[in-house]
Amino acid sequence: MALPKSTDTPRLRYLHALVQSATEGGWADWPMLNDRDYTQIGKIVVLYSYIDVNIRRIVEAAENAGCLNAPWKGSVRKLRIGEAEEAVLSLDWSESNEQVLKHIADRRATRNLIAHFAVRRFPNDDAYLFFTKSDRDYKQLYGVDPEPGMVMTAVMECAQINDAFKHIQALQLWISKATAEAEKLFINLKLNI
């Protein structure tokens, strides 16, 4: 699972220090999300669900038109979403459209974090603590197995989630339009073959 790249700012170092000074049991006492948090996080997950449907529509239309090459040809219905994104990126796009598709793939890391990690609010800061217990994800990120009992954490300011939502919303609107255009193109290509 792709996760967001860590950034290093004084504010995030401060938040990480708060996490390090708390015990795992102490996190259980940290506040749950408020209604606004649930709404903002939920909106991102829902927008990516729409993006995923459109990615799969494009790759399927390309397959049906005979425009998909190996290793994706003949297997579009079995592809994981990251593989489907790679298949879509392998198609002939303008440079600007290709950049938007790459942004969709990059922003997926934020979606993965908020959709697959547990989350609490920092007690006295406008920020979130995300945490999970996944040895496979830990090894993928750090290249080694975690020590027994180790929990993987990430921190994010609430403003970062708000900013991510705005970008993801624009990406979802773009891919919705691009999908309709791509499907028409692939139908026409298939009819002309």
N, C-alpha and C. Protein backbone atom coordinates (compact mmCIF):
# COMPACT_ATOMS: atom_id res chain seq x y z
N MET A 1 0.85 -1.17 0.00
CA MET A 1 0.00 0.00 0.00
C MET A 1 0.90 1.23 0.00
N ALA A 2 0.66 2.12 -0.92
CA ALA A 2 1.42 3.37 -0.98
C ALA A 2 0.93 4.31 0.12
N LEU A 3 1.89 4.90 0.81
CA LEU A 3 1.59 5.86 1.87
C LEU A 3 2.24 7.19 1.53
N PRO A 4 1.71 8.30 2.08
CA PRO A 4 2.29 9.61 1.77
C PRO A 4 3.75 9.70 2.21
N LYS A 5 4.52 10.42 1.44
CA LYS A 5 5.90 10.66 1.81
C LYS A 5 5.92 11.57 3.03
N SER A 6 6.82 11.28 3.93
CA SER A 6 6.95 12.08 5.14
C SER A 6 7.58 13.42 4.81
N THR A 7 7.06 14.45 5.42
CA THR A 7 7.66 15.77 5.28
C THR A 7 8.26 16.16 6.62
N ASP A 8 9.25 17.01 6.57
CA ASP A 8 9.96 17.41 7.78
C ASP A 8 9.83 18.91 7.96
N THR A 9 8.98 19.29 8.90
CA THR A 9 8.82 20.70 9.26
C THR A 9 8.95 20.79 10.78
N PRO A 10 9.26 21.96 11.29
CA PRO A 10 9.32 22.09 12.76
C PRO A 10 7.99 21.69 13.42
N ARG A 11 6.89 22.06 12.81
CA ARG A 11 5.58 21.73 13.38
C ARG A 11 5.36 20.21 13.41
N LEU A 12 5.68 19.53 12.33
CA LEU A 12 5.50 18.07 12.31
C LEU A 12 6.48 17.37 13.24
N ARG A 13 7.70 17.91 13.37
CA ARG A 13 8.64 17.34 14.35
C ARG A 13 8.07 17.47 15.77
N TYR A 14 7.46 18.61 16.06
CA TYR A 14 6.83 18.84 17.35
C TYR A 14 5.72 17.81 17.59
N LEU A 15 4.86 17.59 16.57
CA LEU A 15 3.77 16.63 16.71
C LEU A 15 4.31 15.21 16.89
N HIS A 16 5.33 14.86 16.13
CA HIS A 16 5.94 13.53 16.29
C HIS A 16 6.52 13.37 17.69
N ALA A 17 7.10 14.41 18.24
CA ALA A 17 7.66 14.35 19.59
C ALA A 17 6.54 14.09 20.61
N LEU A 18 5.39 14.70 20.41
CA LEU A 18 4.25 14.44 21.30
C LEU A 18 3.83 12.97 21.23
N VAL A 19 3.83 12.42 20.03
CA VAL A 19 3.48 11.00 19.87
C VAL A 19 4.50 10.13 20.58
N GLN A 20 5.78 10.43 20.40
CA GLN A 20 6.84 9.62 21.01
C GLN A 20 6.80 9.69 22.53
N SER A 21 6.37 10.82 23.07
CA SER A 21 6.34 10.96 24.53
C SER A 21 5.11 10.30 25.15
N ALA A 22 4.10 10.02 24.33
CA ALA A 22 2.89 9.36 24.84
C ALA A 22 3.07 7.85 24.71
N THR A 23 2.40 7.13 25.54
CA THR A 23 2.41 5.68 25.42
C THR A 23 1.29 5.27 24.47
N GLU A 24 1.38 4.06 23.92
CA GLU A 24 0.30 3.58 23.06
C GLU A 24 -1.02 3.59 23.81
N GLY A 25 -0.99 3.18 25.05
CA GLY A 25 -2.21 3.20 25.86
C GLY A 25 -2.73 4.62 26.03
N GLY A 26 -1.82 5.58 26.09
CA GLY A 26 -2.21 6.98 26.22
C GLY A 26 -2.97 7.49 25.01
N TRP A 27 -2.66 6.95 23.84
CA TRP A 27 -3.39 7.36 22.63
C TRP A 27 -4.87 7.03 22.74
N ALA A 28 -5.17 5.97 23.48
CA ALA A 28 -6.58 5.58 23.63
C ALA A 28 -7.39 6.68 24.30
N ASP A 29 -6.73 7.52 25.08
CA ASP A 29 -7.41 8.61 25.76
C ASP A 29 -7.49 9.88 24.92
N TRP A 30 -6.80 9.89 23.78
CA TRP A 30 -6.85 11.07 22.92
C TRP A 30 -8.24 11.17 22.31
N PRO A 31 -8.68 12.37 21.98
CA PRO A 31 -10.06 12.55 21.47
C PRO A 31 -10.31 11.81 20.16
N MET A 32 -11.53 11.33 20.04
CA MET A 32 -12.00 10.78 18.76
C MET A 32 -12.23 11.96 17.81
N LEU A 33 -12.46 11.64 16.56
CA LEU A 33 -12.74 12.68 15.58
C LEU A 33 -14.07 13.35 15.89
N ASN A 34 -14.17 14.61 15.47
CA ASN A 34 -15.46 15.28 15.57
C ASN A 34 -16.21 15.11 14.25
N ASP A 35 -17.44 15.58 14.21
CA ASP A 35 -18.26 15.38 13.00
C ASP A 35 -17.61 15.99 11.76
N ARG A 36 -17.00 17.14 11.90
CA ARG A 36 -16.35 17.77 10.75
C ARG A 36 -15.20 16.91 10.24
N ASP A 37 -14.42 16.33 11.15
CA ASP A 37 -13.31 15.45 10.76
C ASP A 37 -13.83 14.24 9.99
N TYR A 38 -14.85 13.58 10.54
CA TYR A 38 -15.42 12.42 9.86
C TYR A 38 -15.90 12.79 8.46
N THR A 39 -16.53 13.95 8.36
CA THR A 39 -17.03 14.40 7.06
C THR A 39 -15.89 14.63 6.08
N GLN A 40 -14.85 15.33 6.54
CA GLN A 40 -13.74 15.65 5.63
C GLN A 40 -13.00 14.38 5.20
N ILE A 41 -12.73 13.51 6.13
CA ILE A 41 -12.04 12.25 5.80
C ILE A 41 -12.94 11.38 4.91
N GLY A 42 -14.20 11.30 5.25
CA GLY A 42 -15.13 10.51 4.46
C GLY A 42 -15.26 11.04 3.04
N LYS A 43 -15.24 12.35 2.86
CA LYS A 43 -15.35 12.92 1.52
C LYS A 43 -14.18 12.49 0.65
N ILE A 44 -12.99 12.43 1.22
CA ILE A 44 -11.82 12.01 0.45
C ILE A 44 -11.95 10.55 0.04
N VAL A 45 -12.37 9.71 0.95
CA VAL A 45 -12.54 8.28 0.63
C VAL A 45 -13.58 8.11 -0.47
N VAL A 46 -14.69 8.83 -0.37
CA VAL A 46 -15.74 8.73 -1.38
C VAL A 46 -15.26 9.24 -2.74
N LEU A 47 -14.56 10.38 -2.75
CA LEU A 47 -14.04 10.90 -4.02
C LEU A 47 -13.11 9.90 -4.69
N TYR A 48 -12.28 9.23 -3.89
CA TYR A 48 -11.38 8.22 -4.48
C TYR A 48 -12.15 7.00 -4.97
N SER A 49 -13.28 6.71 -4.38
CA SER A 49 -14.10 5.62 -4.90
C SER A 49 -14.58 5.96 -6.31
N TYR A 50 -14.99 7.19 -6.52
CA TYR A 50 -15.38 7.64 -7.86
C TYR A 50 -14.19 7.62 -8.81
N ILE A 51 -13.04 8.09 -8.34
CA ILE A 51 -11.83 8.07 -9.17
C ILE A 51 -11.51 6.64 -9.58
N ASP A 52 -11.59 5.72 -8.65
CA ASP A 52 -11.29 4.31 -8.94
C ASP A 52 -12.23 3.72 -9.99
N VAL A 53 -13.52 4.04 -9.87
CA VAL A 53 -14.47 3.57 -10.88
C VAL A 53 -14.07 4.09 -12.25
N ASN A 54 -13.70 5.35 -12.33
CA ASN A 54 -13.33 5.93 -13.62
C ASN A 54 -12.02 5.37 -14.16
N ILE A 55 -11.05 5.12 -13.30
CA ILE A 55 -9.81 4.48 -13.73
C ILE A 55 -10.13 3.11 -14.36
N ARG A 56 -10.98 2.37 -13.70
CA ARG A 56 -11.35 1.04 -14.19
C ARG A 56 -12.17 1.12 -15.49
N ARG A 57 -13.00 2.14 -15.61
CA ARG A 57 -13.75 2.33 -16.86
C ARG A 57 -12.80 2.61 -18.03
N ILE A 58 -11.80 3.45 -17.80
CA ILE A 58 -10.85 3.78 -18.87
C ILE A 58 -10.07 2.54 -19.29
N VAL A 59 -9.56 1.81 -18.32
CA VAL A 59 -8.73 0.65 -18.65
C VAL A 59 -9.56 -0.43 -19.35
N GLU A 60 -10.80 -0.58 -18.94
CA GLU A 60 -11.67 -1.56 -19.59
C GLU A 60 -12.02 -1.13 -21.02
N ALA A 61 -12.28 0.16 -21.23
CA ALA A 61 -12.57 0.66 -22.57
C ALA A 61 -11.36 0.48 -23.49
N ALA A 62 -10.16 0.74 -22.94
CA ALA A 62 -8.93 0.55 -23.73
C ALA A 62 -8.76 -0.92 -24.09
N GLU A 63 -9.02 -1.80 -23.15
CA GLU A 63 -8.92 -3.24 -23.41
C GLU A 63 -9.91 -3.67 -24.49
N ASN A 64 -11.16 -3.22 -24.38
CA ASN A 64 -12.18 -3.59 -25.35
C ASN A 64 -11.86 -3.08 -26.75
N ALA A 65 -11.11 -1.98 -26.84
CA ALA A 65 -10.74 -1.42 -28.14
C ALA A 65 -9.43 -2.02 -28.66
N GLY A 66 -8.82 -2.91 -27.87
CA GLY A 66 -7.56 -3.53 -28.28
C GLY A 66 -6.36 -2.60 -28.16
N CYS A 67 -6.45 -1.63 -27.29
CA CYS A 67 -5.39 -0.63 -27.14
C CYS A 67 -4.48 -0.86 -25.94
N LEU A 68 -4.70 -1.92 -25.22
CA LEU A 68 -3.92 -2.19 -24.02
C LEU A 68 -2.84 -3.21 -24.34
N ASN A 69 -1.64 -2.94 -23.88
CA ASN A 69 -0.50 -3.84 -24.11
C ASN A 69 -0.18 -4.64 -22.86
N ALA A 70 0.74 -5.59 -23.01
CA ALA A 70 1.23 -6.38 -21.88
C ALA A 70 1.87 -5.43 -20.87
N PRO A 71 1.80 -5.69 -19.62
CA PRO A 71 1.30 -6.90 -18.96
C PRO A 71 -0.20 -6.84 -18.62
N TRP A 72 -0.87 -5.78 -19.03
CA TRP A 72 -2.27 -5.60 -18.62
C TRP A 72 -3.28 -6.25 -19.57
N LYS A 73 -2.88 -6.43 -20.81
CA LYS A 73 -3.79 -6.96 -21.82
C LYS A 73 -4.38 -8.29 -21.36
N GLY A 74 -5.70 -8.38 -21.41
CA GLY A 74 -6.39 -9.61 -21.05
C GLY A 74 -6.63 -9.81 -19.56
N SER A 75 -6.20 -8.88 -18.73
CA SER A 75 -6.36 -9.09 -17.29
C SER A 75 -6.97 -7.89 -16.57
N VAL A 76 -7.65 -6.99 -17.29
CA VAL A 76 -8.12 -5.76 -16.66
C VAL A 76 -9.09 -5.99 -15.51
N ARG A 77 -9.85 -7.04 -15.56
CA ARG A 77 -10.84 -7.27 -14.50
C ARG A 77 -10.20 -7.82 -13.22
N LYS A 78 -8.93 -8.16 -13.28
CA LYS A 78 -8.24 -8.71 -12.12
C LYS A 78 -7.23 -7.73 -11.51
N LEU A 79 -7.08 -6.58 -12.12
CA LEU A 79 -6.04 -5.64 -11.70
C LEU A 79 -6.38 -4.98 -10.37
N ARG A 80 -5.37 -4.84 -9.53
CA ARG A 80 -5.49 -3.99 -8.35
C ARG A 80 -5.54 -2.55 -8.87
N ILE A 81 -6.01 -1.65 -8.05
CA ILE A 81 -6.20 -0.28 -8.53
C ILE A 81 -4.87 0.37 -8.93
N GLY A 82 -3.80 0.09 -8.22
CA GLY A 82 -2.49 0.64 -8.62
C GLY A 82 -2.06 0.13 -9.98
N GLU A 83 -2.34 -1.14 -10.25
CA GLU A 83 -2.02 -1.71 -11.56
C GLU A 83 -2.90 -1.10 -12.65
N ALA A 84 -4.16 -0.87 -12.32
CA ALA A 84 -5.07 -0.22 -13.28
C ALA A 84 -4.59 1.20 -13.58
N GLU A 85 -4.10 1.91 -12.56
CA GLU A 85 -3.54 3.25 -12.79
C GLU A 85 -2.34 3.17 -13.73
N GLU A 86 -1.46 2.19 -13.52
CA GLU A 86 -0.30 2.02 -14.39
C GLU A 86 -0.76 1.73 -15.83
N ALA A 87 -1.78 0.91 -15.97
CA ALA A 87 -2.29 0.59 -17.30
C ALA A 87 -2.84 1.85 -17.98
N VAL A 88 -3.57 2.65 -17.25
CA VAL A 88 -4.12 3.89 -17.81
C VAL A 88 -2.97 4.84 -18.17
N LEU A 89 -1.98 4.93 -17.32
CA LEU A 89 -0.82 5.80 -17.62
C LEU A 89 -0.04 5.32 -18.84
N SER A 90 -0.13 4.04 -19.16
CA SER A 90 0.60 3.51 -20.31
C SER A 90 -0.04 3.91 -21.64
N LEU A 91 -1.26 4.43 -21.58
CA LEU A 91 -1.96 4.84 -22.79
C LEU A 91 -1.39 6.16 -23.30
N ASP A 92 -1.77 6.53 -24.48
CA ASP A 92 -1.26 7.75 -25.11
C ASP A 92 -2.04 8.96 -24.61
N TRP A 93 -1.44 9.72 -23.71
CA TRP A 93 -2.05 10.92 -23.12
C TRP A 93 -1.21 12.14 -23.48
N SER A 94 -1.84 13.30 -23.50
CA SER A 94 -1.06 14.54 -23.62
C SER A 94 -0.24 14.69 -22.34
N GLU A 95 0.80 15.48 -22.40
CA GLU A 95 1.67 15.66 -21.23
C GLU A 95 0.88 16.20 -20.04
N SER A 96 -0.01 17.16 -20.28
CA SER A 96 -0.77 17.74 -19.17
C SER A 96 -1.73 16.71 -18.56
N ASN A 97 -2.38 15.91 -19.41
CA ASN A 97 -3.28 14.87 -18.88
C ASN A 97 -2.49 13.80 -18.13
N GLU A 98 -1.33 13.46 -18.63
CA GLU A 98 -0.49 12.48 -17.94
C GLU A 98 -0.09 12.99 -16.56
N GLN A 99 0.19 14.28 -16.46
CA GLN A 99 0.55 14.86 -15.16
C GLN A 99 -0.61 14.76 -14.17
N VAL A 100 -1.83 15.00 -14.65
CA VAL A 100 -3.00 14.88 -13.76
C VAL A 100 -3.16 13.43 -13.29
N LEU A 101 -2.98 12.49 -14.20
CA LEU A 101 -3.07 11.07 -13.82
C LEU A 101 -2.00 10.71 -12.79
N LYS A 102 -0.82 11.28 -12.92
CA LYS A 102 0.23 11.03 -11.93
C LYS A 102 -0.15 11.65 -10.58
N HIS A 103 -0.81 12.80 -10.59
CA HIS A 103 -1.27 13.41 -9.34
C HIS A 103 -2.31 12.51 -8.66
N ILE A 104 -3.17 11.90 -9.47
CA ILE A 104 -4.17 10.97 -8.91
C ILE A 104 -3.46 9.82 -8.20
N ALA A 105 -2.45 9.25 -8.86
CA ALA A 105 -1.70 8.15 -8.25
C ALA A 105 -0.98 8.62 -6.98
N ASP A 106 -0.39 9.81 -7.02
CA ASP A 106 0.34 10.33 -5.86
C ASP A 106 -0.60 10.61 -4.68
N ARG A 107 -1.75 11.20 -4.95
CA ARG A 107 -2.70 11.53 -3.88
C ARG A 107 -3.35 10.29 -3.27
N ARG A 108 -3.28 9.17 -3.99
CA ARG A 108 -3.83 7.92 -3.46
C ARG A 108 -3.17 7.58 -2.12
N ALA A 109 -1.93 7.98 -1.95
CA ALA A 109 -1.23 7.69 -0.70
C ALA A 109 -1.97 8.32 0.49
N THR A 110 -2.47 9.54 0.32
CA THR A 110 -3.24 10.18 1.39
C THR A 110 -4.53 9.41 1.65
N ARG A 111 -5.20 9.00 0.58
CA ARG A 111 -6.42 8.21 0.71
C ARG A 111 -6.14 6.91 1.46
N ASN A 112 -5.03 6.25 1.13
CA ASN A 112 -4.69 5.00 1.80
C ASN A 112 -4.48 5.21 3.29
N LEU A 113 -3.79 6.28 3.63
CA LEU A 113 -3.53 6.57 5.04
C LEU A 113 -4.85 6.77 5.79
N ILE A 114 -5.70 7.63 5.29
CA ILE A 114 -6.92 7.94 6.04
C ILE A 114 -7.94 6.81 6.00
N ALA A 115 -7.87 5.95 4.99
CA ALA A 115 -8.85 4.87 4.89
C ALA A 115 -8.42 3.60 5.60
N HIS A 116 -7.12 3.42 5.83
CA HIS A 116 -6.63 2.14 6.38
C HIS A 116 -6.00 2.25 7.76
N PHE A 117 -5.81 3.44 8.26
CA PHE A 117 -5.23 3.62 9.58
C PHE A 117 -6.32 4.05 10.56
N ALA A 118 -6.16 3.67 11.82
CA ALA A 118 -7.00 4.21 12.88
C ALA A 118 -6.57 5.66 13.09
N VAL A 119 -7.45 6.47 13.65
CA VAL A 119 -7.11 7.89 13.78
C VAL A 119 -7.69 8.47 15.07
N ARG A 120 -6.90 9.32 15.67
CA ARG A 120 -7.31 10.10 16.84
C ARG A 120 -6.88 11.54 16.62
N ARG A 121 -7.51 12.43 17.32
CA ARG A 121 -7.10 13.83 17.30
C ARG A 121 -6.04 14.04 18.38
N PHE A 122 -5.14 14.93 18.13
CA PHE A 122 -4.23 15.34 19.18
C PHE A 122 -5.06 16.09 20.23
N PRO A 123 -4.74 15.90 21.51
CA PRO A 123 -5.55 16.52 22.56
C PRO A 123 -5.59 18.05 22.51
N ASN A 124 -4.45 18.67 22.20
CA ASN A 124 -4.38 20.13 22.27
C ASN A 124 -3.88 20.78 20.99
N ASP A 125 -3.94 20.05 19.88
CA ASP A 125 -3.45 20.56 18.60
C ASP A 125 -4.46 20.21 17.52
N ASP A 126 -4.52 21.03 16.50
CA ASP A 126 -5.42 20.79 15.37
C ASP A 126 -4.73 19.84 14.39
N ALA A 127 -4.59 18.58 14.84
CA ALA A 127 -3.84 17.59 14.07
C ALA A 127 -4.38 16.20 14.39
N TYR A 128 -4.00 15.26 13.51
CA TYR A 128 -4.42 13.87 13.66
C TYR A 128 -3.24 12.96 13.89
N LEU A 129 -3.46 11.91 14.66
CA LEU A 129 -2.53 10.81 14.80
C LEU A 129 -3.16 9.62 14.09
N PHE A 130 -2.49 9.11 13.06
CA PHE A 130 -2.90 7.90 12.36
C PHE A 130 -2.01 6.77 12.84
N PHE A 131 -2.59 5.60 13.07
CA PHE A 131 -1.76 4.48 13.51
C PHE A 131 -2.35 3.16 13.01
N THR A 132 -1.45 2.21 12.81
CA THR A 132 -1.87 0.89 12.34
C THR A 132 -0.92 -0.16 12.86
N LYS A 133 -1.38 -1.37 12.80
CA LYS A 133 -0.57 -2.53 13.19
C LYS A 133 -0.53 -3.44 11.96
N SER A 134 0.41 -3.18 11.09
CA SER A 134 0.56 -3.97 9.88
C SER A 134 2.05 -4.21 9.64
N ASP A 135 2.47 -5.43 9.92
CA ASP A 135 3.88 -5.76 9.71
C ASP A 135 4.27 -5.61 8.24
N ARG A 136 3.37 -5.97 7.33
CA ARG A 136 3.67 -5.89 5.90
C ARG A 136 3.87 -4.44 5.47
N ASP A 137 2.98 -3.55 5.90
CA ASP A 137 3.13 -2.13 5.55
C ASP A 137 4.40 -1.54 6.16
N TYR A 138 4.69 -1.93 7.40
CA TYR A 138 5.90 -1.44 8.07
C TYR A 138 7.14 -1.86 7.27
N LYS A 139 7.19 -3.13 6.89
CA LYS A 139 8.35 -3.63 6.14
C LYS A 139 8.45 -2.95 4.78
N GLN A 140 7.31 -2.72 4.13
CA GLN A 140 7.33 -2.04 2.83
C GLN A 140 7.89 -0.63 2.97
N LEU A 141 7.53 0.05 4.04
CA LEU A 141 7.95 1.43 4.23
C LEU A 141 9.39 1.54 4.72
N TYR A 142 9.78 0.67 5.65
CA TYR A 142 11.09 0.80 6.28
C TYR A 142 12.12 -0.25 5.86
N GLY A 143 11.67 -1.29 5.16
CA GLY A 143 12.59 -2.30 4.66
C GLY A 143 13.00 -3.36 5.66
N VAL A 144 12.45 -3.30 6.87
CA VAL A 144 12.74 -4.30 7.90
C VAL A 144 11.45 -4.67 8.61
N ASP A 145 11.46 -5.83 9.25
CA ASP A 145 10.30 -6.22 10.04
C ASP A 145 10.26 -5.40 11.32
N PRO A 146 9.07 -5.05 11.78
CA PRO A 146 8.97 -4.30 13.04
C PRO A 146 9.25 -5.20 14.24
N GLU A 147 9.64 -4.60 15.32
CA GLU A 147 9.77 -5.32 16.58
C GLU A 147 8.38 -5.73 17.04
N PRO A 148 8.27 -6.84 17.77
CA PRO A 148 6.95 -7.24 18.28
C PRO A 148 6.29 -6.10 19.06
N GLY A 149 5.01 -5.90 18.79
CA GLY A 149 4.25 -4.87 19.50
C GLY A 149 4.37 -3.47 18.91
N MET A 150 5.24 -3.31 17.92
CA MET A 150 5.45 -1.98 17.34
C MET A 150 4.24 -1.56 16.52
N VAL A 151 3.87 -0.30 16.65
CA VAL A 151 2.75 0.29 15.92
C VAL A 151 3.31 1.37 15.00
N MET A 152 2.85 1.39 13.77
CA MET A 152 3.30 2.40 12.81
C MET A 152 2.40 3.62 12.95
N THR A 153 3.01 4.80 12.98
CA THR A 153 2.24 6.03 13.17
C THR A 153 2.56 7.05 12.09
N ALA A 154 1.63 7.96 11.91
CA ALA A 154 1.82 9.11 11.03
C ALA A 154 1.03 10.26 11.64
N VAL A 155 1.50 11.46 11.42
CA VAL A 155 0.77 12.64 11.89
C VAL A 155 0.46 13.54 10.71
N MET A 156 -0.65 14.23 10.83
CA MET A 156 -1.07 15.14 9.77
C MET A 156 -1.88 16.26 10.41
N GLU A 157 -1.63 17.46 9.98
CA GLU A 157 -2.42 18.58 10.48
C GLU A 157 -3.78 18.57 9.80
N CYS A 158 -4.78 19.05 10.49
CA CYS A 158 -6.13 19.09 9.92
C CYS A 158 -6.15 19.91 8.63
N ALA A 159 -5.38 20.98 8.60
CA ALA A 159 -5.32 21.82 7.40
C ALA A 159 -4.82 21.03 6.20
N GLN A 160 -3.94 20.04 6.42
CA GLN A 160 -3.45 19.22 5.32
C GLN A 160 -4.57 18.37 4.73
N ILE A 161 -5.46 17.88 5.57
CA ILE A 161 -6.61 17.10 5.08
C ILE A 161 -7.53 18.00 4.26
N ASN A 162 -7.76 19.22 4.75
CA ASN A 162 -8.60 20.17 4.01
C ASN A 162 -7.99 20.49 2.65
N ASP A 163 -6.69 20.70 2.62
CA ASP A 163 -5.99 20.98 1.36
C ASP A 163 -6.07 19.77 0.43
N ALA A 164 -5.86 18.59 0.97
CA ALA A 164 -5.92 17.37 0.16
C ALA A 164 -7.31 17.21 -0.45
N PHE A 165 -8.34 17.50 0.32
CA PHE A 165 -9.70 17.38 -0.20
C PHE A 165 -9.89 18.27 -1.43
N LYS A 166 -9.44 19.51 -1.35
CA LYS A 166 -9.61 20.43 -2.49
C LYS A 166 -8.93 19.90 -3.73
N HIS A 167 -7.71 19.38 -3.59
CA HIS A 167 -6.99 18.83 -4.73
C HIS A 167 -7.66 17.57 -5.28
N ILE A 168 -8.08 16.70 -4.38
CA ILE A 168 -8.70 15.44 -4.80
C ILE A 168 -10.04 15.70 -5.46
N GLN A 169 -10.78 16.68 -4.98
CA GLN A 169 -12.05 17.03 -5.61
C GLN A 169 -11.82 17.49 -7.05
N ALA A 170 -10.80 18.30 -7.28
CA ALA A 170 -10.49 18.75 -8.64
C ALA A 170 -10.05 17.57 -9.51
N LEU A 171 -9.28 16.66 -8.95
CA LEU A 171 -8.85 15.47 -9.71
C LEU A 171 -10.05 14.61 -10.08
N GLN A 172 -11.00 14.46 -9.15
CA GLN A 172 -12.18 13.65 -9.43
C GLN A 172 -13.02 14.28 -10.54
N LEU A 173 -13.16 15.58 -10.53
CA LEU A 173 -13.92 16.25 -11.59
C LEU A 173 -13.22 16.07 -12.94
N TRP A 174 -11.90 16.19 -12.94
CA TRP A 174 -11.14 16.03 -14.19
C TRP A 174 -11.31 14.61 -14.74
N ILE A 175 -11.13 13.60 -13.89
CA ILE A 175 -11.16 12.23 -14.41
C ILE A 175 -12.57 11.83 -14.84
N SER A 176 -13.58 12.40 -14.23
CA SER A 176 -14.94 12.12 -14.66
C SER A 176 -15.13 12.55 -16.12
N LYS A 177 -14.67 13.75 -16.43
CA LYS A 177 -14.77 14.26 -17.80
C LYS A 177 -13.84 13.47 -18.74
N ALA A 178 -12.63 13.22 -18.30
CA ALA A 178 -11.66 12.49 -19.13
C ALA A 178 -12.13 11.08 -19.44
N THR A 179 -12.82 10.45 -18.50
CA THR A 179 -13.31 9.09 -18.71
C THR A 179 -14.36 9.07 -19.81
N ALA A 180 -15.29 10.00 -19.75
CA ALA A 180 -16.33 10.05 -20.80
C ALA A 180 -15.70 10.25 -22.17
N GLU A 181 -14.71 11.14 -22.24
CA GLU A 181 -14.03 11.38 -23.52
C GLU A 181 -13.23 10.16 -23.98
N ALA A 182 -12.56 9.51 -23.06
CA ALA A 182 -11.76 8.32 -23.41
C ALA A 182 -12.66 7.18 -23.89
N GLU A 183 -13.77 6.99 -23.20
CA GLU A 183 -14.69 5.92 -23.63
C GLU A 183 -15.19 6.16 -25.05
N LYS A 184 -15.55 7.41 -25.37
CA LYS A 184 -15.99 7.73 -26.74
C LYS A 184 -14.88 7.44 -27.74
N LEU A 185 -13.67 7.84 -27.41
CA LEU A 185 -12.52 7.62 -28.29
C LEU A 185 -12.31 6.13 -28.53
N PHE A 186 -12.33 5.34 -27.47
CA PHE A 186 -12.10 3.90 -27.61
C PHE A 186 -13.23 3.21 -28.37
N ILE A 187 -14.46 3.66 -28.17
CA ILE A 187 -15.58 3.09 -28.94
C ILE A 187 -15.38 3.38 -30.43
N ASN A 188 -15.00 4.62 -30.75
CA ASN A 188 -14.76 4.98 -32.15
C ASN A 188 -13.59 4.19 -32.73
N LEU A 189 -12.54 4.00 -31.95
CA LEU A 189 -11.41 3.21 -32.43
C LEU A 189 -11.82 1.77 -32.72
N LYS A 190 -12.63 1.20 -31.85
CA LYS A 190 -13.08 -0.17 -32.02
C LYS A 190 -13.97 -0.29 -33.27
N LEU A 191 -14.82 0.69 -33.49
CA LEU A 191 -15.71 0.67 -34.65
C LEU A 191 -14.94 0.81 -35.97
N ASN A 192 -13.80 1.51 -35.91
CA ASN A 192 -13.02 1.74 -37.11
C ASN A 192 -12.02 0.63 -37.41
N ILE A 193 -11.94 -0.35 -36.52
CA ILE A 193 -10.97 -1.45 -36.72
C ILE A 193 -11.54 -2.45 -37.71
